[in-house]
Amino acid sequence: MSAEWNFMDPASRANLMRTVRAEAASFFELAANTEWEAPTACANWQVRDHVGHMIDVTEGYFIGFDHARAGTAAPGPLGLPMMSERLDEHARAFRSLAKEDALKRVHEDFERMLGISDGLTDEEWTGLMVPHPYMGPLPACCYPVFQLVDYAVHGWDIRERTDAARPLAGDAADLLVPVALIVWQSTALTSELSEPFAVGVRVTSGANAGDYRFDCGPEGLTYAPADLGDVPAVVEFDPGTLVLASYRRLRGGTIRGDQAVADRFRRLFFPI
């Protein structure tokens, strides 16, 4: 993985922030020009709920950065298992906003978040720990990449129910490959596994193409770059399909080897 495509490396900053801006601009245009209450690919969400979600999470990041800068204690993390339900409730709470007001607010929030991200020093990129409401303290660099996740994936959700449906953009997908792998590691329910097993994940193209071995057992799930010659199954993905699959938007990919092992792996994860 080259530094330019590794969001944890300060050398990726220009590439990441350029891509965040592009995905946000596409999202804003789409939200403004699509029927406000139109259904989307995100279950039970209308276009306005995706905008409400962006307001909710971005304004939550402001609170985290305020705590990090002030050195004050934040409330303890709520944990990922309840994240999906709470984010759904919070997004819907913004339905009372008129479309014009919601779009104005989400634009302003985005510009403020850009200022925070652009203002980080290279040392702060990974050294400043910012509390997340569900995951606890995370390096500051996680927050601009979370913005990329949201604008890219929720933009896909909206487009998927329109004539403008298309796959994820290549640069966004490439940057999000490492995030997709982390999502799987963080959302695996493994405590009831009766015996450990391994499976391979192959990213077939793009800046972060490569092979990863996932070891799954009662203690959790770990992964690392590895040769996949000794695993019973390999699941292959292009970058965009990997990202969408990790966020449970689709059941894509190609299975090579033991179908039952691959299915066992894919059933491990809870939604966020």
C-alpha atoms as a PDB file:
ATOM      1  CA  MET A   1       0.000   0.000   0.000  1.00  0.00           C
ATOM      2  CA  SER A   2       1.569   3.275  -1.073  1.00  0.00           C
ATOM      3  CA  ALA A   3       1.498   6.199   1.340  1.00  0.00           C
ATOM      4  CA  GLU A   4      -0.738   8.240  -0.971  1.00  0.00           C
ATOM      5  CA  TRP A   5      -3.506   5.635  -0.642  1.00  0.00           C
ATOM      6  CA  ASN A   6      -3.102   4.880   3.081  1.00  0.00           C
ATOM      7  CA  PHE A   7      -5.311   7.283   5.036  1.00  0.00           C
ATOM      8  CA  MET A   8      -3.227   6.728   8.180  1.00  0.00           C
ATOM      9  CA  ASP A   9      -0.195   8.287   6.476  1.00  0.00           C
ATOM     10  CA  PRO A  10      -0.025  12.109   6.334  1.00  0.00           C
ATOM     11  CA  ALA A  11       1.287  11.724   2.774  1.00  0.00           C
ATOM     12  CA  SER A  12      -2.268  10.745   1.777  1.00  0.00           C
ATOM     13  CA  ARG A  13      -3.801  14.023   2.920  1.00  0.00           C
ATOM     14  CA  ALA A  14      -3.982  15.855  -0.402  1.00  0.00           C
ATOM     15  CA  ASN A  15      -5.331  12.783  -2.187  1.00  0.00           C
ATOM     16  CA  LEU A  16      -7.861  12.010   0.536  1.00  0.00           C
ATOM     17  CA  MET A  17      -9.163  15.550   0.929  1.00  0.00           C
ATOM     18  CA  ARG A  18      -9.451  16.014  -2.853  1.00  0.00           C
ATOM     19  CA  THR A  19     -11.567  12.866  -2.995  1.00  0.00           C
ATOM     20  CA  VAL A  20     -13.691  13.880   0.002  1.00  0.00           C
ATOM     21  CA  ARG A  21     -14.461  17.201  -1.686  1.00  0.00           C
ATOM     22  CA  ALA A  22     -15.413  15.478  -4.930  1.00  0.00           C
ATOM     23  CA  GLU A  23     -17.732  12.975  -3.241  1.00  0.00           C
ATOM     24  CA  ALA A  24     -19.351  15.655  -1.089  1.00  0.00           C
ATOM     25  CA  ALA A  25     -19.980  17.884  -4.113  1.00  0.00           C
ATOM     26  CA  SER A  26     -21.619  14.969  -5.921  1.00  0.00           C
ATOM     27  CA  PHE A  27     -23.760  14.167  -2.864  1.00  0.00           C
ATOM     28  CA  PHE A  28     -24.915  17.765  -2.447  1.00  0.00           C
ATOM     29  CA  GLU A  29     -25.878  18.095  -6.104  1.00  0.00           C
ATOM     30  CA  LEU A  30     -27.715  14.783  -5.998  1.00  0.00           C
ATOM     31  CA  ALA A  31     -29.627  15.648  -2.815  1.00  0.00           C
ATOM     32  CA  ALA A  32     -30.599  19.061  -4.158  1.00  0.00           C
ATOM     33  CA  ASN A  33     -31.906  17.694  -7.459  1.00  0.00           C
ATOM     34  CA  THR A  34     -33.673  14.533  -6.276  1.00  0.00           C
ATOM     35  CA  GLU A  35     -37.159  14.362  -4.817  1.00  0.00           C
ATOM     36  CA  TRP A  36     -36.701  15.034  -1.087  1.00  0.00           C
ATOM     37  CA  GLU A  37     -38.883  12.154   0.072  1.00  0.00           C
ATOM     38  CA  ALA A  38     -37.836   9.671  -2.607  1.00  0.00           C
ATOM     39  CA  PRO A  39     -36.867   6.165  -1.414  1.00  0.00           C
ATOM     40  CA  THR A  40     -33.227   5.106  -1.527  1.00  0.00           C
ATOM     41  CA  ALA A  41     -31.225   1.882  -1.371  1.00  0.00           C
ATOM     42  CA  CYS A  42     -30.760   2.348   2.376  1.00  0.00           C
ATOM     43  CA  ALA A  43     -33.707   0.517   3.949  1.00  0.00           C
ATOM     44  CA  ASN A  44     -36.523   2.864   5.001  1.00  0.00           C
ATOM     45  CA  TRP A  45     -34.472   6.009   4.324  1.00  0.00           C
ATOM     46  CA  GLN A  46     -35.568   8.785   2.033  1.00  0.00           C
ATOM     47  CA  VAL A  47     -33.201  11.280   0.427  1.00  0.00           C
ATOM     48  CA  ARG A  48     -33.771  13.708   3.297  1.00  0.00           C
ATOM     49  CA  ASP A  49     -32.649  11.085   5.832  1.00  0.00           C
ATOM     50  CA  HIS A  50     -29.225  10.805   4.212  1.00  0.00           C
ATOM     51  CA  VAL A  51     -28.834  14.564   4.562  1.00  0.00           C
ATOM     52  CA  GLY A  52     -30.033  14.353   8.164  1.00  0.00           C
ATOM     53  CA  HIS A  53     -27.488  11.614   8.802  1.00  0.00           C
ATOM     54  CA  MET A  54     -24.665  13.794   7.499  1.00  0.00           C
ATOM     55  CA  ILE A  55     -25.751  16.639   9.771  1.00  0.00           C
ATOM     56  CA  ASP A  56     -25.922  14.270  12.739  1.00  0.00           C
ATOM     57  CA  VAL A  57     -22.537  12.596  12.370  1.00  0.00           C
ATOM     58  CA  THR A  58     -20.623  15.705  11.302  1.00  0.00           C
ATOM     59  CA  GLU A  59     -21.894  17.778  14.209  1.00  0.00           C
ATOM     60  CA  GLY A  60     -20.993  14.866  16.476  1.00  0.00           C
ATOM     61  CA  TYR A  61     -17.422  15.074  15.190  1.00  0.00           C
ATOM     62  CA  PHE A  62     -17.274  18.736  16.210  1.00  0.00           C
ATOM     63  CA  ILE A  63     -17.987  17.720  19.799  1.00  0.00           C
ATOM     64  CA  GLY A  64     -15.232  15.115  19.670  1.00  0.00           C
ATOM     65  CA  PHE A  65     -12.653  17.578  18.361  1.00  0.00           C
ATOM     66  CA  ASP A  66     -13.689  20.112  21.010  1.00  0.00           C
ATOM     67  CA  HIS A  67     -12.976  17.509  23.715  1.00  0.00           C
ATOM     68  CA  ALA A  68      -9.660  16.563  22.096  1.00  0.00           C
ATOM     69  CA  ARG A  69      -8.477  20.171  21.836  1.00  0.00           C
ATOM     70  CA  ALA A  70      -9.610  21.072  25.353  1.00  0.00           C
ATOM     71  CA  GLY A  71      -8.340  17.874  26.943  1.00  0.00           C
ATOM     72  CA  THR A  72     -11.734  17.247  28.532  1.00  0.00           C
ATOM     73  CA  ALA A  73     -13.368  13.877  29.084  1.00  0.00           C
ATOM     74  CA  ALA A  74     -16.056  12.742  26.665  1.00  0.00           C
ATOM     75  CA  PRO A  75     -18.867  10.321  27.522  1.00  0.00           C
ATOM     76  CA  GLY A  76     -17.855   6.686  27.201  1.00  0.00           C
ATOM     77  CA  PRO A  77     -18.352   5.001  23.813  1.00  0.00           C
ATOM     78  CA  LEU A  78     -21.726   3.358  23.239  1.00  0.00           C
ATOM     79  CA  GLY A  79     -20.313   0.500  21.170  1.00  0.00           C
ATOM     80  CA  LEU A  80     -20.853  -0.467  17.547  1.00  0.00           C
ATOM     81  CA  PRO A  81     -23.732  -2.961  17.996  1.00  0.00           C
ATOM     82  CA  MET A  82     -26.196  -0.153  18.774  1.00  0.00           C
ATOM     83  CA  MET A  83     -24.800   2.293  16.231  1.00  0.00           C
ATOM     84  CA  SER A  84     -27.095   1.407  13.329  1.00  0.00           C
ATOM     85  CA  GLU A  85     -30.302   1.807  15.315  1.00  0.00           C
ATOM     86  CA  ARG A  86     -29.262   5.094  16.912  1.00  0.00           C
ATOM     87  CA  LEU A  87     -28.022   6.600  13.649  1.00  0.00           C
ATOM     88  CA  ASP A  88     -31.352   5.705  12.069  1.00  0.00           C
ATOM     89  CA  GLU A  89     -33.248   7.491  14.846  1.00  0.00           C
ATOM     90  CA  HIS A  90     -30.999  10.544  14.674  1.00  0.00           C
ATOM     91  CA  ALA A  91     -31.224  10.859  10.881  1.00  0.00           C
ATOM     92  CA  ARG A  92     -35.020  10.734  10.942  1.00  0.00           C
ATOM     93  CA  ALA A  93     -35.113  13.390  13.666  1.00  0.00           C
ATOM     94  CA  PHE A  94     -34.064  15.962  11.044  1.00  0.00           C
ATOM     95  CA  ARG A  95     -37.159  15.342   8.892  1.00  0.00           C
ATOM     96  CA  SER A  96     -38.695  18.440  10.445  1.00  0.00           C
ATOM     97  CA  LEU A  97     -36.141  20.610   8.609  1.00  0.00           C
ATOM     98  CA  ALA A  98     -37.221  22.113   5.312  1.00  0.00           C
ATOM     99  CA  LYS A  99     -35.130  20.964   2.355  1.00  0.00           C
ATOM    100  CA  GLU A 100     -33.497  24.357   1.865  1.00  0.00           C
ATOM    101  CA  ASP A 101     -32.600  24.617   5.555  1.00  0.00           C
ATOM    102  CA  ALA A 102     -31.237  21.080   5.730  1.00  0.00           C
ATOM    103  CA  LEU A 103     -29.053  21.536   2.646  1.00  0.00           C
ATOM    104  CA  LYS A 104     -27.735  24.846   3.950  1.00  0.00           C
ATOM    105  CA  ARG A 105     -26.871  23.285   7.299  1.00  0.00           C
ATOM    106  CA  VAL A 106     -25.141  20.232   5.841  1.00  0.00           C
ATOM    107  CA  HIS A 107     -23.083  22.477   3.512  1.00  0.00           C
ATOM    108  CA  GLU A 108     -22.016  24.644   6.444  1.00  0.00           C
ATOM    109  CA  ASP A 109     -21.161  21.598   8.537  1.00  0.00           C
ATOM    110  CA  PHE A 110     -19.058  20.189   5.714  1.00  0.00           C
ATOM    111  CA  GLU A 111     -17.116  23.425   5.293  1.00  0.00           C
ATOM    112  CA  ARG A 112     -16.438  23.533   9.030  1.00  0.00           C
ATOM    113  CA  MET A 113     -15.243  19.917   8.965  1.00  0.00           C
ATOM    114  CA  LEU A 114     -12.947  20.725   6.049  1.00  0.00           C
ATOM    115  CA  GLY A 115     -11.421  23.510   8.116  1.00  0.00           C
ATOM    116  CA  ILE A 116     -10.796  21.128  10.996  1.00  0.00           C
ATOM    117  CA  SER A 117      -9.260  18.454   8.760  1.00  0.00           C
ATOM    118  CA  ASP A 118      -7.127  20.871   6.749  1.00  0.00           C
ATOM    119  CA  GLY A 119      -5.936  22.495   9.978  1.00  0.00           C
ATOM    120  CA  LEU A 120      -4.424  19.308  11.404  1.00  0.00           C
ATOM    121  CA  THR A 121      -0.648  19.116  11.471  1.00  0.00           C
ATOM    122  CA  ASP A 122       1.053  15.979  10.187  1.00  0.00           C
ATOM    123  CA  GLU A 123       1.757  15.019  13.795  1.00  0.00           C
ATOM    124  CA  GLU A 124      -1.887  15.500  14.750  1.00  0.00           C
ATOM    125  CA  TRP A 125      -3.053  13.424  11.772  1.00  0.00           C
ATOM    126  CA  THR A 126      -2.395  10.250  13.770  1.00  0.00           C
ATOM    127  CA  GLY A 127      -1.317  11.666  17.130  1.00  0.00           C
ATOM    128  CA  LEU A 128      -4.411  13.648  18.133  1.00  0.00           C
ATOM    129  CA  MET A 129      -6.919  11.229  19.650  1.00  0.00           C
ATOM    130  CA  VAL A 130     -10.516  12.328  19.110  1.00  0.00           C
ATOM    131  CA  PRO A 131     -13.386  10.586  20.951  1.00  0.00           C
ATOM    132  CA  HIS A 132     -16.000   8.936  18.761  1.00  0.00           C
ATOM    133  CA  PRO A 133     -19.477   8.439  20.266  1.00  0.00           C
ATOM    134  CA  TYR A 134     -19.538   4.720  19.415  1.00  0.00           C
ATOM    135  CA  MET A 135     -15.875   3.679  19.122  1.00  0.00           C
ATOM    136  CA  GLY A 136     -14.080   5.818  21.676  1.00  0.00           C
ATOM    137  CA  PRO A 137     -10.778   7.632  21.009  1.00  0.00           C
ATOM    138  CA  LEU A 138      -9.577   7.417  17.401  1.00  0.00           C
ATOM    139  CA  PRO A 139      -6.739   9.158  15.522  1.00  0.00           C
ATOM    140  CA  ALA A 140      -7.869  12.437  13.969  1.00  0.00           C
ATOM    141  CA  CYS A 141      -7.257  11.080  10.445  1.00  0.00           C
ATOM    142  CA  CYS A 142     -10.201   8.715  10.866  1.00  0.00           C
ATOM    143  CA  TYR A 143     -12.691  11.569  10.706  1.00  0.00           C
ATOM    144  CA  PRO A 144     -12.024  12.821   7.165  1.00  0.00           C
ATOM    145  CA  VAL A 145     -12.058   9.219   5.969  1.00  0.00           C
ATOM    146  CA  PHE A 146     -15.404   8.727   7.748  1.00  0.00           C
ATOM    147  CA  GLN A 147     -16.655  11.710   5.761  1.00  0.00           C
ATOM    148  CA  LEU A 148     -15.502   9.963   2.593  1.00  0.00           C
ATOM    149  CA  VAL A 149     -17.331   6.786   3.613  1.00  0.00           C
ATOM    150  CA  ASP A 150     -20.552   8.661   4.229  1.00  0.00           C
ATOM    151  CA  TYR A 151     -20.570  10.898   1.177  1.00  0.00           C
ATOM    152  CA  ALA A 152     -19.542   8.056  -1.153  1.00  0.00           C
ATOM    153  CA  VAL A 153     -21.763   5.288   0.232  1.00  0.00           C
ATOM    154  CA  HIS A 154     -24.826   7.428   0.933  1.00  0.00           C
ATOM    155  CA  GLY A 155     -24.464   9.065  -2.458  1.00  0.00           C
ATOM    156  CA  TRP A 156     -24.542   5.543  -3.907  1.00  0.00           C
ATOM    157  CA  ASP A 157     -27.681   4.826  -1.849  1.00  0.00           C
ATOM    158  CA  ILE A 158     -29.497   7.793  -3.378  1.00  0.00           C
ATOM    159  CA  ARG A 159     -28.321   7.190  -6.952  1.00  0.00           C
ATOM    160  CA  GLU A 160     -29.192   3.497  -6.815  1.00  0.00           C
ATOM    161  CA  ARG A 161     -32.916   4.312  -6.925  1.00  0.00           C
ATOM    162  CA  THR A 162     -32.577   6.803  -9.785  1.00  0.00           C
ATOM    163  CA  ASP A 163     -31.603   6.754 -13.447  1.00  0.00           C
ATOM    164  CA  ALA A 164     -28.156   7.956 -12.327  1.00  0.00           C
ATOM    165  CA  ALA A 165     -27.231   4.653 -10.620  1.00  0.00           C
ATOM    166  CA  ARG A 166     -23.546   3.785 -10.995  1.00  0.00           C
ATOM    167  CA  PRO A 167     -20.700   2.057  -9.116  1.00  0.00           C
ATOM    168  CA  LEU A 168     -18.441   3.913  -6.696  1.00  0.00           C
ATOM    169  CA  ALA A 169     -15.792   6.219  -8.138  1.00  0.00           C
ATOM    170  CA  GLY A 170     -12.371   4.585  -8.366  1.00  0.00           C
ATOM    171  CA  ASP A 171     -10.391   6.957  -6.141  1.00  0.00           C
ATOM    172  CA  ALA A 172     -12.994   6.823  -3.381  1.00  0.00           C
ATOM    173  CA  ALA A 173     -13.175   3.040  -3.552  1.00  0.00           C
ATOM    174  CA  ASP A 174      -9.386   2.641  -3.488  1.00  0.00           C
ATOM    175  CA  LEU A 175      -9.028   4.886  -0.449  1.00  0.00           C
ATOM    176  CA  LEU A 176     -11.796   2.993   1.345  1.00  0.00           C
ATOM    177  CA  VAL A 177     -10.397  -0.522   0.844  1.00  0.00           C
ATOM    178  CA  PRO A 178      -8.472  -0.380   4.178  1.00  0.00           C
ATOM    179  CA  VAL A 179     -11.597   0.955   5.891  1.00  0.00           C
ATOM    180  CA  ALA A 180     -13.705  -1.918   4.539  1.00  0.00           C
ATOM    181  CA  LEU A 181     -11.300  -4.455   6.036  1.00  0.00           C
ATOM    182  CA  ILE A 182     -11.407  -2.662   9.391  1.00  0.00           C
ATOM    183  CA  VAL A 183     -15.215  -2.635   9.258  1.00  0.00           C
ATOM    184  CA  TRP A 184     -15.261  -6.412   8.956  1.00  0.00           C
ATOM    185  CA  GLN A 185     -12.791  -6.804  11.808  1.00  0.00           C
ATOM    186  CA  SER A 186     -14.855  -4.480  14.012  1.00  0.00           C
ATOM    187  CA  THR A 187     -18.302  -5.934  13.288  1.00  0.00           C
ATOM    188  CA  ALA A 188     -17.648  -9.677  13.417  1.00  0.00           C
ATOM    189  CA  LEU A 189     -19.721 -11.676  15.906  1.00  0.00           C
ATOM    190  CA  THR A 190     -17.382 -14.552  16.700  1.00  0.00           C
ATOM    191  CA  SER A 191     -17.962 -15.435  20.370  1.00  0.00           C
ATOM    192  CA  GLU A 192     -20.173 -18.401  19.483  1.00  0.00           C
ATOM    193  CA  LEU A 193     -17.869 -19.929  16.878  1.00  0.00           C
ATOM    194  CA  SER A 194     -17.279 -23.556  17.823  1.00  0.00           C
ATOM    195  CA  GLU A 195     -13.941 -23.745  16.026  1.00  0.00           C
ATOM    196  CA  PRO A 196     -11.613 -21.299  14.271  1.00  0.00           C
ATOM    197  CA  PHE A 197     -11.389 -21.039  10.511  1.00  0.00           C
ATOM    198  CA  ALA A 198      -9.569 -18.966   7.905  1.00  0.00           C
ATOM    199  CA  VAL A 199     -10.667 -17.387   4.658  1.00  0.00           C
ATOM    200  CA  GLY A 200      -8.935 -15.229   2.083  1.00  0.00           C
ATOM    201  CA  VAL A 201     -10.067 -11.888   0.713  1.00  0.00           C
ATOM    202  CA  ARG A 202      -8.543 -10.734  -2.571  1.00  0.00           C
ATOM    203  CA  VAL A 203      -8.832  -7.149  -3.795  1.00  0.00           C
ATOM    204  CA  THR A 204      -8.368  -7.606  -7.510  1.00  0.00           C
ATOM    205  CA  SER A 205      -7.486  -4.120  -8.716  1.00  0.00           C
ATOM    206  CA  GLY A 206      -6.753  -0.542  -7.792  1.00  0.00           C
ATOM    207  CA  ALA A 207      -4.194   1.216  -5.627  1.00  0.00           C
ATOM    208  CA  ASN A 208      -4.829  -1.102  -2.667  1.00  0.00           C
ATOM    209  CA  ALA A 209      -5.064  -4.397  -4.535  1.00  0.00           C
ATOM    210  CA  GLY A 210      -3.769  -7.377  -2.585  1.00  0.00           C
ATOM    211  CA  ASP A 211      -4.472 -10.592  -0.701  1.00  0.00           C
ATOM    212  CA  TYR A 212      -5.543 -10.747   2.948  1.00  0.00           C
ATOM    213  CA  ARG A 213      -5.942 -13.727   5.269  1.00  0.00           C
ATOM    214  CA  PHE A 214      -8.786 -13.462   7.784  1.00  0.00           C
ATOM    215  CA  ASP A 215      -8.521 -15.706  10.857  1.00  0.00           C
ATOM    216  CA  CYS A 216     -11.838 -16.105  12.657  1.00  0.00           C
ATOM    217  CA  GLY A 217     -12.234 -17.635  16.104  1.00  0.00           C
ATOM    218  CA  PRO A 218     -14.083 -17.213  19.406  1.00  0.00           C
ATOM    219  CA  GLU A 219     -11.609 -14.519  20.471  1.00  0.00           C
ATOM    220  CA  GLY A 220     -12.318 -12.348  17.443  1.00  0.00           C
ATOM    221  CA  LEU A 221     -11.276 -11.748  13.862  1.00  0.00           C
ATOM    222  CA  THR A 222      -7.821 -10.702  12.698  1.00  0.00           C
ATOM    223  CA  TYR A 223      -6.473 -10.087   9.224  1.00  0.00           C
ATOM    224  CA  ALA A 224      -3.139  -9.415   7.551  1.00  0.00           C
ATOM    225  CA  PRO A 225      -1.625  -9.401   4.060  1.00  0.00           C
ATOM    226  CA  ALA A 226      -0.682 -12.990   3.261  1.00  0.00           C
ATOM    227  CA  ASP A 227      -0.296 -15.681   0.657  1.00  0.00           C
ATOM    228  CA  LEU A 228      -3.656 -17.416   0.275  1.00  0.00           C
ATOM    229  CA  GLY A 229      -2.428 -20.779  -0.945  1.00  0.00           C
ATOM    230  CA  ASP A 230      -3.459 -22.623   2.224  1.00  0.00           C
ATOM    231  CA  VAL A 231      -6.944 -21.202   2.894  1.00  0.00           C
ATOM    232  CA  PRO A 232     -10.037 -23.232   1.945  1.00  0.00           C
ATOM    233  CA  ALA A 233     -11.836 -20.318   0.292  1.00  0.00           C
ATOM    234  CA  VAL A 234     -10.991 -16.965  -1.248  1.00  0.00           C
ATOM    235  CA  VAL A 235     -13.550 -14.227  -1.874  1.00  0.00           C
ATOM    236  CA  GLU A 236     -12.526 -11.819  -4.629  1.00  0.00           C
ATOM    237  CA  PHE A 237     -13.738  -8.231  -4.895  1.00  0.00           C
ATOM    238  CA  ASP A 238     -13.042  -5.187  -6.996  1.00  0.00           C
ATOM    239  CA  PRO A 239     -12.534  -2.160  -4.687  1.00  0.00           C
ATOM    240  CA  GLY A 240     -16.007  -0.669  -5.034  1.00  0.00           C
ATOM    241  CA  THR A 241     -17.786  -3.968  -4.477  1.00  0.00           C
ATOM    242  CA  LEU A 242     -15.649  -4.651  -1.394  1.00  0.00           C
ATOM    243  CA  VAL A 243     -16.624  -1.306   0.133  1.00  0.00           C
ATOM    244  CA  LEU A 244     -20.327  -1.756  -0.597  1.00  0.00           C
ATOM    245  CA  ALA A 245     -20.271  -5.350   0.654  1.00  0.00           C
ATOM    246  CA  SER A 246     -18.576  -4.365   3.915  1.00  0.00           C
ATOM    247  CA  TYR A 247     -21.351  -1.834   4.526  1.00  0.00           C
ATOM    248  CA  ARG A 248     -23.952  -4.498   3.612  1.00  0.00           C
ATOM    249  CA  ARG A 249     -25.196  -2.715   0.503  1.00  0.00           C
ATOM    250  CA  LEU A 250     -24.835  -5.764  -1.731  1.00  0.00           C
ATOM    251  CA  ARG A 251     -23.774  -9.412  -1.785  1.00  0.00           C
ATOM    252  CA  GLY A 252     -21.081  -9.099  -4.401  1.00  0.00           C
ATOM    253  CA  GLY A 253     -17.788 -10.794  -5.058  1.00  0.00           C
ATOM    254  CA  THR A 254     -16.572 -14.086  -6.499  1.00  0.00           C
ATOM    255  CA  ILE A 255     -16.009 -17.172  -4.324  1.00  0.00           C
ATOM    256  CA  ARG A 256     -13.171 -19.537  -5.187  1.00  0.00           C
ATOM    257  CA  GLY A 257     -12.916 -22.719  -3.146  1.00  0.00           C
ATOM    258  CA  ASP A 258     -15.177 -23.947  -0.371  1.00  0.00           C
ATOM    259  CA  GLN A 259     -18.552 -22.215  -0.703  1.00  0.00           C
ATOM    260  CA  ALA A 260     -19.612 -23.203   2.830  1.00  0.00           C
ATOM    261  CA  VAL A 261     -16.542 -21.596   4.405  1.00  0.00           C
ATOM    262  CA  ALA A 262     -17.060 -18.390   2.436  1.00  0.00           C
ATOM    263  CA  ASP A 263     -20.725 -18.287   3.446  1.00  0.00           C
ATOM    264  CA  ARG A 264     -19.760 -18.840   7.070  1.00  0.00           C
ATOM    265  CA  PHE A 265     -17.458 -15.834   6.869  1.00  0.00           C
ATOM    266  CA  ARG A 266     -20.074 -13.610   5.262  1.00  0.00           C
ATOM    267  CA  ARG A 267     -22.631 -14.410   7.965  1.00  0.00           C
ATOM    268  CA  LEU A 268     -20.413 -13.150  10.800  1.00  0.00           C
ATOM    269  CA  PHE A 269     -21.114  -9.424  10.566  1.00  0.00           C
ATOM    270  CA  PHE A 270     -23.653  -7.054  12.066  1.00  0.00           C
ATOM    271  CA  PRO A 271     -24.685  -3.799  10.308  1.00  0.00           C
ATOM    272  CA  ILE A 272     -23.460  -0.346  11.285  1.00  0.00           C
END
